[in-house]
């Protein structure tokens, strides 16, 4: 089967029209078997069976969800029916995420839910050796608040992943659940000071000031005026402070998605906000958590119906490119020019445009393990798309992390890649990004084959690990030192 599928993919690529060096993606949805045509909202990548490749969960807002197991040969198998409890939940699901809440090395699944006539309870499914078991009631996280998206991070650095819910609707309040470390959670929203009552669509954790503690950005909005987004700075004592205005990121448009990434390669996390009403925004970080909006100068202030942003180095040139889903005309694929500007190359990659289609969540992932970033696009009422990246070179390095003192998934860890002392790339490991989307738990860097690199990791515990003489074209798995003396 593997050789047959590979041969078909090669034939498809050979017959595709040529669009020059910027043409990278080709549609392999039907061949891969992941063209779900439900009322798609969310996409989440994770390795559910610990076999080393990225499986895929699709959340549908009405209709059955889908769990696709990666076969390792460019194809997937729908295992929704046999993989456990409530995986095909036919309710209103949106931004569901995988996170290993019990640190047993198997990623669990949280279903973020709403409802058509009555709001349904969210569900937590524990992964027991590759099969999912519903533990919602015993864990205490069955919120009934119309959750649009969930995001997990260890906000207090105690070694367990906590859970934040971005809730939507009149009177709805967002919620923060603290992981007690015994399989249960306690809601601590009010104590922590993160109970935003706006209409929230997405939440993204990131360390915006580089102090080793996860901060929280919440995307808000409702028609027609929008609502300010919020940035909560971690006080490192279990509480947060709203610094949205002083940090310069209280975007008051109707926002839907947000993604943090080091777009200018200066070693800190910048922020892109995708707006449904109003221009998109790019905020450059000064390293201390203060931001300057440069969307128009960068060529990213599109005024379509923005939803699903995703960053990734699609061409291995060392800087991060951007894909954005759009509900109005067509999706955009922006190449980072390396000088603070971006160029939309979607016309040279026609499969990515999804014209006249309402795109929702989007995410990059190397689903065929060939070293370049493929793209999954969730659409509403028509087939989702899997777009294969045809770059196929050796100019890449992938980093996977294992926590010991920190949470097992090492969420919140920061990785620096350097060549001869010069920063090549920096990235941080999240559970949620964009709009109702989760990236795989690996970080991909564009590098130069033939060169050697130094890789440094800072884990949430504060432990650090440095590896030297690293060559490209490999997957580097780094386990956290078990003693803080390794800092």
Protein backbone atom coordinates (compact mmCIF):
# COMPACT_ATOMS: atom_id res chain seq x y z
CA UNK A 1 0.00 0.00 0.00
CA UNK A 2 2.82 2.37 0.87
CA UNK A 3 4.50 2.04 -2.52
CA UNK A 4 1.18 2.38 -4.34
CA UNK A 5 0.25 5.58 -2.52
CA UNK A 6 3.73 7.03 -2.99
CA UNK A 7 3.61 6.27 -6.71
CA UNK A 8 0.23 7.98 -7.02
CA UNK A 9 1.54 11.04 -5.17
CA UNK A 10 4.56 11.26 -7.44
CA UNK A 11 2.34 10.97 -10.51
CA UNK A 12 0.07 13.68 -9.18
CA UNK A 13 3.02 15.98 -8.60
CA UNK A 14 4.45 15.37 -12.06
CA UNK A 15 1.15 16.26 -13.69
CA UNK A 16 0.64 19.42 -11.62
CA UNK A 17 1.10 22.76 -13.38
CA UNK A 18 4.37 24.61 -12.77
CA UNK A 19 4.16 27.93 -10.94
CA UNK A 20 7.83 28.56 -10.19
CA UNK A 21 9.87 28.34 -7.02
CA UNK A 22 7.00 29.61 -4.85
CA UNK A 23 4.71 26.74 -5.83
CA UNK A 24 4.99 24.23 -3.01
CA UNK A 25 1.61 22.69 -2.23
CA UNK A 26 -0.53 20.10 -3.95
CA UNK A 27 -3.91 18.71 -2.87
CA UNK A 28 -3.68 15.07 -1.67
CA UNK A 29 -6.91 15.03 0.34
CA UNK A 30 -8.65 12.17 -1.43
CA UNK A 31 -5.50 10.04 -1.59
CA UNK A 32 -4.84 10.59 2.12
CA UNK A 33 -8.45 9.90 3.16
CA UNK A 34 -9.01 12.97 5.34
CA UNK A 35 -11.61 14.92 3.33
CA UNK A 36 -14.32 15.15 5.98
CA UNK A 37 -17.17 17.32 4.69
CA UNK A 38 -18.90 18.18 7.95
CA UNK A 39 -19.52 21.59 9.46
CA UNK A 40 -15.83 21.85 10.26
CA UNK A 41 -14.43 24.09 12.98
CA UNK A 42 -11.31 22.69 14.60
CA UNK A 43 -8.14 20.78 13.79
CA UNK A 44 -5.82 19.16 16.33
CA UNK A 45 -2.63 17.19 15.66
CA UNK A 46 -1.11 14.75 18.16
CA UNK A 47 0.52 11.34 18.32
CA UNK A 48 -2.31 9.38 19.94
CA UNK A 49 -0.62 5.96 19.75
CA UNK A 50 3.02 6.96 20.33
CA UNK A 51 4.18 5.55 16.99
CA UNK A 52 6.07 8.71 16.01
CA UNK A 53 3.73 10.30 13.46
CA UNK A 54 0.98 12.87 13.69
CA UNK A 55 -2.64 11.79 13.94
CA UNK A 56 -5.51 14.17 13.30
CA UNK A 57 -8.76 15.10 15.08
CA UNK A 58 -11.42 17.18 13.33
CA UNK A 59 -14.11 18.94 15.38
CA UNK A 60 -17.44 19.63 13.70
CA UNK A 61 -20.04 22.13 14.86
CA UNK A 62 -22.97 19.80 14.32
CA UNK A 63 -22.33 16.33 12.94
CA UNK A 64 -19.81 13.67 13.87
CA UNK A 65 -16.20 14.50 14.72
CA UNK A 66 -13.41 12.45 13.14
CA UNK A 67 -10.25 10.85 14.53
CA UNK A 68 -7.80 9.89 11.80
CA UNK A 69 -4.84 7.64 12.61
CA UNK A 70 -1.74 8.32 10.53
CA UNK A 71 -0.67 5.14 8.73
CA UNK A 72 2.86 6.47 8.19
CA UNK A 73 2.69 6.23 4.38
CA UNK A 74 0.86 9.40 3.42
CA UNK A 75 -2.59 7.99 4.23
CA UNK A 76 -4.89 8.00 7.25
CA UNK A 77 -7.50 5.61 8.65
CA UNK A 78 -10.70 6.85 10.29
CA UNK A 79 -10.64 5.17 13.74
CA UNK A 80 -13.38 7.26 15.31
CA UNK A 81 -15.73 4.36 15.98
CA UNK A 82 -13.23 1.98 17.56
CA UNK A 83 -10.83 4.28 19.43
CA UNK A 84 -12.96 4.95 22.51
CA UNK A 85 -15.71 6.95 24.20
CA UNK A 86 -17.44 9.93 22.56
CA UNK A 87 -14.79 10.54 19.89
CA UNK A 88 -17.45 10.93 17.22
CA UNK A 89 -19.49 13.25 19.43
CA UNK A 90 -22.22 14.58 17.16
CA UNK A 91 -22.81 17.73 19.20
CA UNK A 92 -21.38 21.20 18.71
CA UNK A 93 -17.60 20.89 18.93
CA UNK A 94 -15.13 23.64 18.10
CA UNK A 95 -11.59 24.15 19.41
CA UNK A 96 -10.83 20.75 20.94
CA UNK A 97 -7.25 19.99 22.04
CA UNK A 98 -5.01 17.11 23.04
CA UNK A 99 -3.06 17.48 26.30
CA UNK A 100 -1.47 14.96 28.66
CA UNK A 101 -3.21 16.06 31.85
CA UNK A 102 -1.99 13.08 33.94
CA UNK A 103 1.62 12.99 32.68
CA UNK A 104 1.44 9.32 31.74
CA UNK A 105 2.94 9.82 28.28
CA UNK A 106 -0.36 9.39 26.39
CA UNK A 107 -2.11 12.51 25.08
CA UNK A 108 -5.65 12.97 26.33
CA UNK A 109 -8.41 14.85 24.48
CA UNK A 110 -10.64 17.71 25.61
CA UNK A 111 -13.78 18.43 23.60
CA UNK A 112 -14.82 22.10 23.57
CA UNK A 113 -18.59 22.26 23.01
CA UNK A 114 -21.52 24.58 22.49
CA UNK A 115 -25.07 23.70 21.44
CA UNK A 116 -27.88 24.49 19.04
CA UNK A 117 -30.83 24.51 21.44
CA UNK A 118 -29.10 23.78 24.74
CA UNK A 119 -25.44 24.16 25.65
CA UNK A 120 -23.77 20.79 25.98
CA UNK A 121 -21.12 19.88 28.54
CA UNK A 122 -17.49 19.76 27.46
CA UNK A 123 -15.86 16.32 27.69
CA UNK A 124 -12.45 15.08 28.85
CA UNK A 125 -11.32 11.78 27.32
CA UNK A 126 -8.34 10.05 28.95
CA UNK A 127 -6.02 8.15 26.65
CA UNK A 128 -5.43 4.68 28.09
CA UNK A 129 -2.82 3.00 25.92
CA UNK A 130 -4.32 4.37 22.71
CA UNK A 131 -7.99 4.03 23.65
CA UNK A 132 -9.99 6.98 24.99
CA UNK A 133 -12.11 6.77 28.14
CA UNK A 134 -14.50 9.54 29.26
CA UNK A 135 -13.40 10.87 32.68
CA UNK A 136 -15.21 14.22 32.55
CA UNK A 137 -17.25 13.83 35.71
CA UNK A 138 -14.44 12.56 37.92
CA UNK A 139 -12.05 15.24 36.62
CA UNK A 140 -14.51 18.09 37.19
CA UNK A 141 -14.12 19.86 33.84
CA UNK A 142 -17.57 19.35 32.27
CA UNK A 143 -18.26 23.04 31.82
CA UNK A 144 -21.54 24.03 30.12
CA UNK A 145 -20.61 27.53 28.98
CA UNK A 146 -20.48 27.32 25.15
CA UNK A 147 -16.72 26.94 24.89
CA UNK A 148 -15.37 28.03 21.54
CA UNK A 149 -11.78 26.97 22.20
CA UNK A 150 -9.65 25.35 24.87
CA UNK A 151 -5.95 25.92 25.55
CA UNK A 152 -3.67 24.12 28.01
CA UNK A 153 -0.48 25.31 29.71
CA UNK A 154 1.23 24.97 33.07
CA UNK A 155 0.60 28.50 34.27
CA UNK A 156 2.03 27.89 37.77
CA UNK A 157 4.97 25.68 36.70
CA UNK A 158 4.01 22.86 39.06
CA UNK A 159 4.53 20.18 36.41
CA UNK A 160 0.88 19.70 35.37
CA UNK A 161 -1.05 21.19 32.47
CA UNK A 162 -3.90 23.50 33.42
CA UNK A 163 -6.87 24.31 31.20
CA UNK A 164 -8.33 27.62 29.99
CA UNK A 165 -11.68 27.89 28.22
CA UNK A 166 -12.57 30.74 25.85
CA UNK A 167 -16.34 31.00 26.24
CA UNK A 168 -18.78 32.71 23.92
CA UNK A 169 -22.15 34.42 24.24
CA UNK A 170 -24.16 36.85 26.34
CA UNK A 171 -23.03 36.75 29.97
CA UNK A 172 -20.49 33.99 29.39
CA UNK A 173 -17.32 34.12 31.48
CA UNK A 174 -14.08 32.44 30.49
CA UNK A 175 -12.77 29.79 32.88
CA UNK A 176 -9.42 28.62 34.22
CA UNK A 177 -9.13 25.12 35.69
CA UNK A 178 -6.11 24.31 37.83
CA UNK A 179 -4.77 20.76 37.50
CA UNK A 180 -4.51 19.25 40.98
CA UNK A 181 -2.14 16.52 39.84
CA UNK A 182 -4.42 13.69 40.96
CA UNK A 183 -6.68 13.47 37.92
CA UNK A 184 -8.95 16.30 39.08
CA UNK A 185 -9.21 20.02 38.38
CA UNK A 186 -10.37 23.02 40.42
CA UNK A 187 -11.81 26.14 38.83
CA UNK A 188 -9.71 29.15 39.90
CA UNK A 189 -10.95 31.78 37.43
CA UNK A 190 -11.80 34.51 39.90
CA UNK A 191 -8.75 34.00 42.10
CA UNK A 192 -6.49 34.16 39.04
CA UNK A 193 -8.22 37.22 37.57
CA UNK A 194 -8.79 35.87 34.04
CA UNK A 195 -12.61 35.72 33.90
CA UNK A 196 -13.12 37.84 30.79
CA UNK A 197 -16.85 38.27 30.02
CA UNK A 198 -16.41 39.33 26.41
CA UNK A 199 -17.49 37.10 23.52
CA UNK A 200 -14.30 35.06 23.36
CA UNK A 201 -13.33 32.93 20.35
CA UNK A 202 -9.80 31.81 21.04
CA UNK A 203 -7.18 31.72 23.78
CA UNK A 204 -3.44 31.31 23.27
CA UNK A 205 -0.77 30.83 25.94
CA UNK A 206 2.74 32.26 25.38
CA UNK A 207 5.62 33.69 27.41
CA UNK A 208 5.51 37.23 26.02
CA UNK A 209 8.20 38.76 28.25
CA UNK A 210 10.62 35.84 28.33
CA UNK A 211 10.52 35.29 32.09
CA UNK A 212 9.73 31.57 31.87
CA UNK A 213 6.07 31.88 32.88
CA UNK A 214 3.12 31.46 30.54
CA UNK A 215 1.02 34.53 29.80
CA UNK A 216 -2.43 34.43 28.21
CA UNK A 217 -3.93 36.18 25.17
CA UNK A 218 -7.71 36.09 24.61
CA UNK A 219 -9.31 36.98 21.27
CA UNK A 220 -12.69 38.70 21.54
CA UNK A 221 -15.34 40.26 19.34
CA UNK A 222 -18.93 40.50 18.23
CA UNK A 223 -20.64 42.29 15.40
CA UNK A 224 -20.51 45.12 14.55
CA UNK A 225 -18.15 47.02 16.85
CA UNK A 226 -15.88 44.29 18.11
CA UNK A 227 -14.47 44.02 21.63
CA UNK A 228 -10.92 44.56 22.89
CA UNK A 229 -8.71 41.49 23.12
CA UNK A 230 -6.94 40.87 26.42
CA UNK A 231 -3.37 40.07 27.38
CA UNK A 232 -3.00 38.69 30.89
CA UNK A 233 0.54 38.85 32.27
CA UNK A 234 1.48 36.07 34.67
CA UNK A 235 2.33 37.45 38.13
CA UNK A 236 4.10 34.17 39.00
CA UNK A 237 1.96 33.71 42.11
CA UNK A 238 -1.13 32.09 40.59
CA UNK A 239 -2.65 35.40 39.51
CA UNK A 240 -2.61 37.49 36.34
CA UNK A 241 -2.72 41.19 35.49
CA UNK A 242 -4.55 42.63 32.47
CA UNK A 243 -1.88 44.54 30.53
CA UNK A 244 -3.70 44.66 27.19
CA UNK A 245 -3.60 48.43 26.72
CA UNK A 246 -0.16 49.14 28.12
CA UNK A 247 1.28 46.27 26.06
CA UNK A 248 -0.38 47.66 22.93
CA UNK A 249 -2.40 44.59 21.95
CA UNK A 250 -5.96 45.51 22.97
CA UNK A 251 -7.13 45.10 19.38
CA UNK A 252 -10.75 46.31 19.39
CA UNK A 253 -11.86 44.75 16.10
CA UNK A 254 -13.91 41.58 15.87
CA UNK A 255 -11.11 39.06 16.31
CA UNK A 256 -11.30 35.31 15.79
CA UNK A 257 -7.75 33.93 15.77
CA UNK A 258 -4.27 34.68 17.07
CA UNK A 259 -0.83 33.12 16.75
CA UNK A 260 2.49 33.87 18.46
CA UNK A 261 5.74 33.39 16.53
CA UNK A 262 9.16 35.01 16.17
CA UNK A 263 8.45 36.52 12.76
CA UNK A 264 11.46 38.88 12.73
CA UNK A 265 13.97 36.35 14.14
CA UNK A 266 15.04 38.53 17.06
CA UNK A 267 14.41 35.95 19.77
CA UNK A 268 11.02 36.98 21.14
CA UNK A 269 7.41 36.08 20.36
CA UNK A 270 5.48 38.42 18.07
CA UNK A 271 1.71 38.26 17.63
CA UNK A 272 -0.60 38.04 14.62
CA UNK A 273 -4.32 38.69 15.09
CA UNK A 274 -6.80 37.52 12.49
CA UNK A 275 -9.88 39.75 12.41
CA UNK A 276 -13.29 38.87 11.03
CA UNK A 277 -14.23 42.54 10.92
CA UNK A 278 -11.41 45.08 10.55
CA UNK A 279 -7.85 44.71 9.27
CA UNK A 280 -5.60 41.95 10.50
CA UNK A 281 -2.75 43.05 12.76
CA UNK A 282 0.89 42.10 13.28
CA UNK A 283 2.39 43.14 16.61
CA UNK A 284 6.18 43.10 17.00
CA UNK A 285 7.49 42.34 20.49
CA UNK A 286 10.32 44.42 21.96
CA UNK A 287 11.36 41.45 24.10
CA UNK A 288 9.81 42.80 27.29
CA UNK A 289 6.20 42.18 26.29
CA UNK A 290 5.50 45.58 24.73
CA UNK A 291 4.22 45.47 21.16
CA UNK A 292 4.12 47.73 18.09
CA UNK A 293 1.51 47.17 15.38
CA UNK A 294 3.06 46.93 11.89
CA UNK A 295 0.44 45.03 9.90
CA UNK A 296 0.13 47.52 7.07
CA UNK A 297 3.90 47.96 6.65
CA UNK A 298 4.37 44.20 6.66
CA UNK A 299 1.68 43.64 4.03
CA UNK A 300 -0.56 41.64 6.39
CA UNK A 301 -3.42 44.06 7.08
CA UNK A 302 -5.92 42.16 4.95
CA UNK A 303 -9.58 43.09 5.53
CA UNK A 304 -11.25 39.84 4.52
CA UNK A 305 -13.14 37.68 6.98
CA UNK A 306 -10.03 36.39 8.71
CA UNK A 307 -10.11 33.26 10.85
CA UNK A 308 -7.39 30.63 10.92
CA UNK A 309 -3.76 31.89 11.02
CA UNK A 310 -0.85 29.42 11.12
CA UNK A 311 2.91 30.11 11.07
CA UNK A 312 5.60 27.81 9.68
CA UNK A 313 8.79 27.88 7.62
CA UNK A 314 7.35 26.37 4.44
CA UNK A 315 10.46 26.92 2.28
CA UNK A 316 13.24 26.26 4.83
CA UNK A 317 14.82 29.68 4.36
CA UNK A 318 15.00 30.28 8.11
CA UNK A 319 12.06 32.63 8.63
CA UNK A 320 8.41 31.98 9.38
CA UNK A 321 5.73 32.21 6.70
CA UNK A 322 2.01 32.63 7.34
CA UNK A 323 -1.17 30.97 6.13
CA UNK A 324 -4.53 32.55 6.88
CA UNK A 325 -7.98 31.14 6.38
CA UNK A 326 -10.68 33.49 5.15
CA UNK A 327 -14.45 33.21 5.10
CA UNK A 328 -15.00 35.82 2.40
CA UNK A 329 -13.02 35.45 -0.83
CA UNK A 330 -9.94 33.20 -0.66
CA UNK A 331 -7.25 32.11 1.79
CA UNK A 332 -3.81 33.71 1.77
CA UNK A 333 -0.32 32.21 1.86
CA UNK A 334 2.26 34.83 2.84
CA UNK A 335 5.97 34.25 2.25
CA UNK A 336 8.21 35.99 4.77
CA UNK A 337 10.68 38.09 2.76
CA UNK A 338 13.11 38.34 5.67
CA UNK A 339 13.04 42.14 5.68
CA UNK A 340 9.91 42.77 7.75
CA UNK A 341 7.52 42.32 4.83
CA UNK A 342 5.43 39.46 3.48
CA UNK A 343 4.25 38.57 -0.04
CA UNK A 344 1.02 36.72 -0.74
CA UNK A 345 1.96 33.77 -3.00
CA UNK A 346 -1.42 32.03 -2.91
CA UNK A 347 -1.91 32.60 -6.65
CA UNK A 348 1.18 30.47 -7.26
CA UNK A 349 -0.24 27.78 -4.96
CA UNK A 350 -3.85 27.60 -6.19
CA UNK A 351 -4.80 24.61 -4.05
CA UNK A 352 -4.35 26.64 -0.87
CA UNK A 353 -6.83 29.36 -1.86
CA UNK A 354 -10.06 27.44 -1.16
CA UNK A 355 -12.00 30.11 -3.06
CA UNK A 356 -15.70 30.63 -2.21
CA UNK A 357 -15.24 28.25 0.74
CA UNK A 358 -15.66 29.23 4.38
CA UNK A 359 -12.38 28.14 5.98
CA UNK A 360 -12.16 27.74 9.76
CA UNK A 361 -9.18 26.18 11.58
CA UNK A 362 -5.87 25.67 9.74
CA UNK A 363 -2.54 24.14 10.80
CA UNK A 364 0.86 23.13 9.48
CA UNK A 365 2.22 19.66 10.29
CA UNK A 366 4.70 17.28 8.68
CA UNK A 367 2.18 14.48 8.25
CA UNK A 368 4.33 12.37 5.91
CA UNK A 369 7.55 12.74 7.94
CA UNK A 370 9.63 14.00 5.01
CA UNK A 371 10.90 17.13 6.78
CA UNK A 372 8.67 19.83 5.32
CA UNK A 373 5.41 21.33 6.55
CA UNK A 374 2.17 20.12 5.03
CA UNK A 375 -1.07 22.02 5.58
CA UNK A 376 -4.51 20.93 6.79
CA UNK A 377 -7.45 23.26 6.14
CA UNK A 378 -10.85 22.84 7.84
CA UNK A 379 -13.82 24.03 5.77
CA UNK A 380 -17.49 24.51 6.52
CA UNK A 381 -19.89 22.15 4.79
CA UNK A 382 -17.43 21.03 2.10
CA UNK A 383 -14.40 18.77 2.13
CA UNK A 384 -11.46 19.72 4.31
CA UNK A 385 -8.14 19.74 2.49
CA UNK A 386 -4.74 18.21 3.09
CA UNK A 387 -2.07 19.99 1.06
CA UNK A 388 1.27 18.25 0.70
CA UNK A 389 4.44 20.32 0.72
CA UNK A 390 6.63 19.21 -2.19
CA UNK A 391 9.86 20.92 -1.10
CA UNK A 392 11.54 17.61 -0.17
CA UNK A 393 15.02 18.88 0.75
CA UNK A 394 17.34 18.29 3.68
CA UNK A 395 17.35 21.84 5.04
CA UNK A 396 15.43 21.18 8.23
CA UNK A 397 15.75 20.22 11.85
CA UNK A 398 12.88 19.02 14.03
CA UNK A 399 12.91 19.16 17.82
CA UNK A 400 10.70 17.03 20.06
CA UNK A 401 10.72 17.47 23.82
CA UNK A 402 9.99 15.25 26.81
CA UNK A 403 9.35 16.78 30.22
CA UNK A 404 10.41 15.14 33.49
CA UNK A 405 10.31 17.85 36.15
CA UNK A 406 8.01 19.88 33.88
CA UNK A 407 4.78 18.64 32.30
CA UNK A 408 5.40 15.50 30.24
CA UNK A 409 4.53 17.22 26.93
CA UNK A 410 7.02 20.01 27.79
CA UNK A 411 4.43 22.61 26.79
CA UNK A 412 5.81 26.10 27.33
CA UNK A 413 9.40 25.07 26.62
CA UNK A 414 11.47 27.44 24.52
CA UNK A 415 14.05 26.30 21.94
CA UNK A 416 16.88 28.34 20.41
CA UNK A 417 18.85 27.16 17.36
CA UNK A 418 22.18 28.88 16.70
CA UNK A 419 24.94 28.60 14.13
CA UNK A 420 28.37 29.85 15.14
CA UNK A 421 26.76 31.77 17.99
CA UNK A 422 24.21 33.54 15.78
CA UNK A 423 20.51 32.97 16.36
CA UNK A 424 18.91 31.03 13.52
CA UNK A 425 15.50 30.47 15.06
CA UNK A 426 13.52 30.48 18.30
CA UNK A 427 10.19 28.80 19.01
CA UNK A 428 7.98 27.90 21.94
CA UNK A 429 5.81 24.81 22.30
CA UNK A 430 2.05 25.51 22.65
CA UNK A 431 -1.13 23.41 22.69
CA UNK A 432 -3.35 25.87 20.84
CA UNK A 433 -2.75 28.45 18.12
CA UNK A 434 -4.62 30.24 15.36
CA UNK A 435 -8.36 29.57 15.38
CA UNK A 436 -9.64 26.35 16.96
CA UNK A 437 -6.34 24.69 16.04
CA UNK A 438 -3.51 22.73 17.66
CA UNK A 439 -0.03 22.23 16.17
CA UNK A 440 1.86 18.96 16.56
CA UNK A 441 4.22 18.68 19.51
CA UNK A 442 7.40 19.29 17.57
CA UNK A 443 9.22 22.41 16.42
CA UNK A 444 10.59 22.59 12.86
CA UNK A 445 13.45 24.92 11.93
CA UNK A 446 14.67 25.75 8.45
CA UNK A 447 18.47 25.29 8.41
CA UNK A 448 21.24 24.64 5.89
CA UNK A 449 22.32 21.11 5.08
CA UNK A 450 26.03 20.64 5.64
CA UNK A 451 26.24 23.11 8.53
CA UNK A 452 26.26 22.27 12.24
CA UNK A 453 24.13 23.90 14.92
CA UNK A 454 23.74 24.37 18.66
CA UNK A 455 20.33 23.68 20.13
CA UNK A 456 19.36 25.08 23.54
CA UNK A 457 16.16 24.25 25.40
CA UNK A 458 14.67 25.96 28.43
CA UNK A 459 11.97 23.83 30.05
CA UNK A 460 9.17 25.32 32.20
CA UNK A 461 10.92 24.11 35.38
CA UNK A 462 13.86 26.33 34.49
CA UNK A 463 16.08 23.39 33.60
CA UNK A 464 18.17 23.89 30.48
CA UNK A 465 19.87 21.58 28.05
CA UNK A 466 22.37 22.46 25.32
CA UNK A 467 23.40 20.17 22.47
CA UNK A 468 26.23 21.04 20.08
CA UNK A 469 27.35 19.74 16.71
CA UNK A 470 23.79 19.05 15.55
CA UNK A 471 23.39 18.30 11.84
CA UNK A 472 20.23 18.97 9.77
CA UNK A 473 17.78 16.49 8.30
CA UNK A 474 16.95 14.77 11.57
CA UNK A 475 14.42 14.59 14.37
CA UNK A 476 16.06 15.53 17.66
CA UNK A 477 14.32 14.23 20.79
CA UNK A 478 15.47 16.01 23.95
CA UNK A 479 14.55 14.88 27.45
CA UNK A 480 14.53 17.39 30.29
CA UNK A 481 17.36 17.07 32.82
CA UNK A 482 15.99 15.62 36.04
CA UNK A 483 17.85 18.06 38.29
CA UNK A 484 17.45 21.82 38.36
CA UNK A 485 21.20 22.06 38.85
CA UNK A 486 21.37 21.58 35.07
CA UNK A 487 20.24 25.17 34.54
